[in-house]
Protein backbone atom coordinates (compact mmCIF):
# COMPACT_ATOMS: atom_id res chain seq x y z
CA MET A 1 -12.49 7.94 -22.73
CA ASN A 2 -10.36 5.22 -24.52
CA GLN A 3 -12.05 3.48 -27.23
CA GLN A 4 -13.07 -0.26 -26.48
CA PRO A 5 -11.53 -2.64 -29.00
CA PRO A 6 -13.93 -4.91 -30.87
CA SER A 7 -12.93 -7.93 -29.28
CA GLN A 8 -13.80 -6.74 -25.76
CA SER A 9 -17.00 -6.56 -24.18
CA SER A 10 -18.68 -2.98 -23.84
CA GLY A 11 -18.32 -1.42 -20.57
CA SER A 12 -15.28 -0.26 -19.12
CA ILE A 13 -13.31 0.77 -15.73
CA VAL A 14 -10.84 3.21 -15.42
CA CYS A 15 -9.35 3.82 -12.01
CA VAL A 16 -8.25 7.72 -11.82
CA GLY A 17 -6.19 9.53 -8.52
CA LEU A 18 -7.96 12.58 -7.31
CA GLY A 19 -4.63 13.13 -5.58
CA MET A 20 -4.18 14.42 -1.96
CA THR A 21 -5.25 18.29 -1.73
CA LEU A 22 -8.23 19.45 -3.34
CA GLY A 23 -8.18 20.66 -7.06
CA ALA A 24 -4.39 20.75 -6.92
CA HIS A 25 -3.34 17.13 -7.89
CA LEU A 26 -5.91 16.04 -10.56
CA SER A 27 -4.17 15.26 -13.95
CA PRO A 28 -5.87 16.73 -16.91
CA LEU A 29 -6.23 13.38 -18.35
CA SER A 30 -7.77 11.74 -15.32
CA ARG A 31 -10.31 14.53 -15.11
CA ASN A 32 -11.14 14.03 -18.77
CA HIS A 33 -12.18 10.23 -17.80
CA ILE A 34 -14.37 11.49 -14.68
CA ALA A 35 -16.35 14.21 -17.15
CA GLN A 36 -16.73 11.48 -19.75
CA ALA A 37 -17.71 8.61 -17.86
CA ASP A 38 -21.31 7.21 -17.65
CA VAL A 39 -20.93 6.81 -14.02
CA VAL A 40 -18.42 7.82 -11.23
CA PHE A 41 -17.89 5.96 -7.84
CA VAL A 42 -16.02 8.09 -5.69
CA ALA A 43 -14.10 6.79 -2.31
CA VAL A 44 -13.17 9.62 -0.21
CA SER A 45 -14.08 10.47 3.55
CA ASN A 46 -14.27 14.22 2.83
CA PRO A 47 -17.81 15.34 1.65
CA VAL A 48 -15.93 18.36 0.33
CA VAL A 49 -13.94 16.56 -1.80
CA GLU A 50 -16.62 14.41 -3.36
CA ALA A 51 -18.65 17.75 -4.16
CA TRP A 52 -15.88 18.85 -6.24
CA VAL A 53 -16.10 15.65 -8.25
CA MET A 54 -19.71 16.13 -8.69
CA GLU A 55 -19.20 19.23 -10.71
CA MET A 56 -17.32 17.06 -13.37
CA ASN A 57 -20.05 14.78 -13.77
CA PRO A 58 -23.84 14.49 -13.10
CA ASP A 59 -23.71 10.96 -11.94
CA VAL A 60 -21.54 10.56 -9.33
CA ARG A 61 -21.96 8.02 -6.17
CA SER A 62 -20.11 7.36 -3.18
CA LEU A 63 -18.36 4.25 -2.11
CA GLN A 64 -18.26 5.14 1.24
CA SER A 65 -21.58 3.54 2.28
CA CYS A 66 -19.55 0.23 2.17
CA TYR A 67 -17.61 1.19 5.25
CA GLN A 68 -19.42 0.64 8.55
CA ASP A 69 -18.13 0.36 12.20
CA GLY A 70 -17.13 -2.81 13.09
CA LYS A 71 -17.20 -4.19 9.48
CA ASP A 72 -14.77 -6.26 8.15
CA ARG A 73 -12.48 -4.01 5.66
CA ARG A 74 -12.06 -6.73 3.13
CA GLN A 75 -15.62 -7.27 3.24
CA SER A 76 -16.48 -3.35 2.47
CA TYR A 77 -13.69 -3.52 -0.24
CA ARG A 78 -15.54 -6.75 -2.14
CA ASP A 79 -18.77 -4.74 -1.83
CA MET A 80 -17.16 -1.57 -3.70
CA VAL A 81 -16.04 -3.81 -6.14
CA ASP A 82 -19.20 -5.49 -6.68
CA MET A 83 -20.61 -1.97 -7.32
CA MET A 84 -18.48 -0.96 -9.75
CA MET A 85 -18.61 -4.16 -11.68
CA GLN A 86 -22.63 -4.31 -11.69
CA GLU A 87 -22.06 -0.86 -13.94
CA VAL A 88 -19.46 -2.15 -16.02
CA ARG A 89 -21.51 -5.12 -16.86
CA ALA A 90 -24.68 -2.92 -17.56
CA GLY A 91 -22.31 -2.04 -20.67
CA LYS A 92 -21.36 1.63 -18.82
CA ASN A 93 -18.20 3.41 -18.76
CA VAL A 94 -17.19 3.46 -15.15
CA VAL A 95 -14.77 5.78 -13.59
CA GLY A 96 -13.30 4.95 -9.88
CA ALA A 97 -12.23 8.19 -8.42
CA PHE A 98 -9.71 7.31 -5.36
CA TYR A 99 -8.28 9.30 -3.23
CA GLY A 100 -4.33 10.23 -3.66
CA HIS A 101 -3.25 7.25 -6.10
CA PRO A 102 -5.63 4.65 -6.96
CA GLY A 103 -2.80 1.63 -6.73
CA VAL A 104 -1.15 2.96 -3.43
CA PHE A 105 -2.77 1.59 -0.26
CA ALA A 106 -5.91 1.05 -1.96
CA LEU A 107 -7.22 -2.20 -2.58
CA PRO A 108 -10.35 -1.71 -4.47
CA PRO A 109 -8.97 -0.73 -7.71
CA HIS A 110 -6.19 -3.84 -7.92
CA ASP A 111 -9.38 -6.01 -7.44
CA VAL A 112 -11.94 -4.29 -9.73
CA ILE A 113 -9.29 -3.77 -12.85
CA ARG A 114 -8.33 -7.41 -12.54
CA LYS A 115 -11.72 -8.66 -12.03
CA ALA A 116 -13.01 -6.84 -15.20
CA ARG A 117 -9.85 -7.84 -17.51
CA GLU A 118 -10.77 -11.47 -16.51
CA GLU A 119 -14.35 -10.91 -17.78
CA GLY A 120 -13.18 -9.36 -20.77
CA TYR A 121 -13.87 -5.56 -20.08
CA TYR A 122 -11.54 -2.84 -20.86
CA ALA A 123 -9.75 -1.53 -17.44
CA HIS A 124 -6.99 0.68 -16.57
CA MET A 125 -5.21 2.47 -13.89
CA GLU A 126 -4.18 6.18 -14.19
CA PRO A 127 -1.91 7.35 -11.55
CA GLY A 128 -2.20 9.81 -9.02
CA ILE A 129 -0.04 12.20 -6.38
CA SER A 130 -0.10 9.81 -3.47
CA ALA A 131 0.86 10.89 -0.02
CA GLU A 132 4.34 9.54 -0.56
CA ASP A 133 4.81 12.12 -3.19
CA CYS A 134 3.59 14.51 -0.87
CA LEU A 135 5.81 13.64 2.12
CA TYR A 136 8.79 14.06 0.06
CA ALA A 137 8.03 17.39 -0.77
CA ASP A 138 6.86 18.66 2.31
CA MET A 139 9.86 17.12 4.52
CA GLY A 140 12.47 17.59 1.94
CA ILE A 141 13.28 14.19 1.83
CA ASP A 142 15.32 12.75 -1.18
CA PRO A 143 14.52 8.98 -1.14
CA GLY A 144 17.63 8.65 -3.33
CA SER A 145 20.08 10.30 -0.92
CA VAL A 146 20.39 7.40 1.69
CA GLY A 147 17.73 5.25 0.30
CA SER A 148 14.46 4.38 2.02
CA ILE A 149 12.29 1.34 3.00
CA HIS A 150 8.38 1.53 2.88
CA TYR A 151 6.34 -0.76 4.97
CA GLU A 152 2.69 -0.88 6.22
CA ALA A 153 3.18 -0.69 9.81
CA SER A 154 0.55 -3.56 10.71
CA GLN A 155 2.73 -5.94 8.00
CA PHE A 156 5.83 -5.06 9.45
CA MET A 157 4.78 -5.92 13.03
CA PHE A 158 3.32 -9.44 12.10
CA TYR A 159 6.08 -10.43 9.76
CA ASN A 160 10.03 -10.60 10.53
CA ARG A 161 10.94 -7.79 8.50
CA ALA A 162 14.62 -6.12 7.96
CA ILE A 163 15.56 -2.65 8.98
CA ASP A 164 18.05 -0.55 7.61
CA THR A 165 18.93 2.53 10.30
CA ALA A 166 21.16 3.75 7.78
CA ALA A 167 17.97 4.62 5.43
CA TYR A 168 14.78 6.26 5.74
CA VAL A 169 12.13 4.01 7.28
CA ILE A 170 8.58 4.87 6.32
CA LEU A 171 5.70 3.21 8.17
CA TRP A 172 2.28 3.68 6.97
CA GLN A 173 -0.97 3.67 8.76
CA VAL A 174 0.29 3.86 12.35
CA GLY A 175 -2.89 4.94 13.60
CA ILE A 176 -4.24 1.22 12.98
CA ALA A 177 -1.23 -0.52 13.88
CA GLY A 178 -1.52 -4.07 15.01
CA ASP A 179 -5.29 -4.61 14.10
CA LYS A 180 -5.76 -8.08 12.65
CA THR A 181 -9.56 -7.61 12.94
CA TYR A 182 -10.11 -5.36 9.79
CA GLY A 183 -12.34 -3.68 11.43
CA MET A 184 -10.84 -1.08 13.68
CA TYR A 185 -10.55 2.61 12.48
CA SER A 186 -7.89 3.76 15.38
CA SER A 187 -5.86 1.10 17.44
CA PRO A 188 -5.33 1.16 21.15
CA ASN A 189 -2.32 2.98 22.14
CA ALA A 190 -1.35 -0.30 23.49
CA PHE A 191 -0.96 -1.76 20.30
CA ARG A 192 1.43 1.29 19.17
CA GLN A 193 3.44 0.20 22.11
CA VAL A 194 4.23 -3.33 20.77
CA LEU A 195 5.35 -1.69 17.50
CA CYS A 196 7.49 1.15 19.72
CA ASP A 197 8.94 -1.94 21.70
CA GLN A 198 9.96 -3.69 18.12
CA LEU A 199 11.56 -0.20 16.81
CA LEU A 200 13.43 0.23 20.25
CA ALA A 201 15.42 -2.92 19.12
CA TYR A 202 16.97 -0.90 16.46
CA TYR A 203 17.15 2.56 17.59
CA PRO A 204 17.75 4.66 21.01
CA ALA A 205 14.51 5.58 22.76
CA ASP A 206 15.46 9.61 22.16
CA HIS A 207 15.67 9.14 18.31
CA GLN A 208 13.57 11.85 16.63
CA ILE A 209 10.84 10.37 14.56
CA ALA A 210 7.85 12.57 12.49
CA LEU A 211 4.05 11.87 12.13
CA TYR A 212 3.21 13.22 8.84
CA GLU A 213 -0.24 13.82 7.69
CA CYS A 214 -1.12 15.59 4.19
CA PRO A 215 -3.06 18.49 3.84
CA THR A 216 -6.58 17.70 1.82
CA LEU A 217 -7.31 21.22 1.54
CA PRO A 218 -5.26 24.04 -0.29
CA ILE A 219 -5.74 26.50 3.08
CA HIS A 220 -4.03 23.85 5.22
CA GLY A 221 -0.32 22.84 5.44
CA PRO A 222 1.15 19.44 6.60
CA ARG A 223 1.28 17.95 9.91
CA ILE A 224 4.71 17.34 10.90
CA THR A 225 5.08 16.35 14.80
CA TRP A 226 8.29 15.60 15.93
CA LEU A 227 8.70 13.16 18.90
CA PRO A 228 10.96 10.95 20.52
CA LEU A 229 10.47 7.26 19.58
CA SER A 230 9.59 6.07 22.93
CA GLN A 231 6.83 8.79 22.98
CA LEU A 232 5.19 7.03 19.87
CA ALA A 233 2.45 5.08 21.72
CA ASP A 234 0.70 7.84 23.39
CA ALA A 235 0.99 9.97 20.53
CA GLN A 236 -1.92 11.31 18.45
CA THR A 237 -2.52 9.57 15.06
CA SER A 238 -5.33 8.80 12.92
CA GLN A 239 -5.70 6.43 9.67
CA GLU A 240 -3.90 9.31 7.58
CA THR A 241 -0.87 9.27 9.83
CA THR A 242 2.70 8.33 8.45
CA MET A 243 5.47 7.35 10.44
CA VAL A 244 9.14 8.76 9.54
CA ILE A 245 12.31 7.58 10.94
CA PRO A 246 15.13 9.38 9.76
CA PRO A 247 18.51 7.18 9.32
CA ALA A 248 20.33 6.76 12.93
CA ARG A 249 23.78 5.84 11.58
CA VAL A 250 26.02 6.46 8.68
CA ALA A 251 25.90 3.75 5.91
CA GLU A 252 29.06 1.18 5.90
CA LYS A 253 30.77 1.35 2.68
CA ASN A 254 31.45 -2.17 1.06
CA HIS A 255 35.18 -2.39 0.81
CA ALA A 256 34.91 -5.70 -0.89
CA VAL A 257 32.80 -4.67 -3.64
CA LEU A 258 34.27 -1.50 -3.80
CA GLU A 259 38.15 -3.37 -4.40
CA LYS A 260 36.40 -5.60 -7.40
CA LEU A 261 34.83 -2.57 -8.91
CA LYS A 262 38.23 -0.64 -8.62
CA SER A 263 40.14 -3.54 -10.22
CA LEU A 264 37.55 -3.63 -13.32
CA HIS A 265 38.31 -0.10 -13.65
CA ASP A 266 41.79 -0.38 -13.83
CA GLN A 267 41.58 -3.29 -16.00
CA GLN A 268 38.98 -1.25 -18.91
CA GLN A 269 41.45 1.45 -18.43
CA THR A 270 44.42 -0.49 -19.46
CA VAL A 271 42.44 -2.08 -22.38
CA ASP A 272 41.59 1.41 -23.53
């Protein structure tokens, strides 16, 4: 573990990413943090992954008990932060081990690091392999080829957000799209129909989209289900489902900017 500067309080928190696939994505540095911690808090829903972390440290505690049916997820996240901070304040070197990347679609790691720093404790985040990284590899997408836009599905629904149909549009957590209660773990089909109707303002009904889920075990493959956009509402989804919308058109050239750049290039050539 990183040593504490003399000016800081004893106790620390390091949030690490376990990656998406069991045993395959954990970095050596994150593994070292887990092994040397006084206590490790794990936030994963898969008991096999939790058991794997327990092999690295004798004191591993699950954060899954913070979730309950009907309970506001925001309160669950606050409870997680409180559990970790209690041990930090007790002077322990704490690790929070989170599914995927601890900073991607994971509120408690950001909150506990911010709170720990405010109280004078050492706090740090180690990156991990996220579902986004796996999606690019599994689906053969280069986000730099035509660009990509990412939104959390409900956030896209609740606000006036722009879409560039010449780029990939990736919507996260479509399985709970439209939930404003923060208590659902699966939203009704009618909610996804609202999302579908919003997207039909940009895309034709038969535009092919993909529903993607990253494998959590090495023996499993990714789920990539292609279907017309119009069938989104009735499609099978879960909390892990990500929606990928490929480009529907070719990007239009910005001729005004291209002319300016050409003029500047010609001027530079003349000076040289």
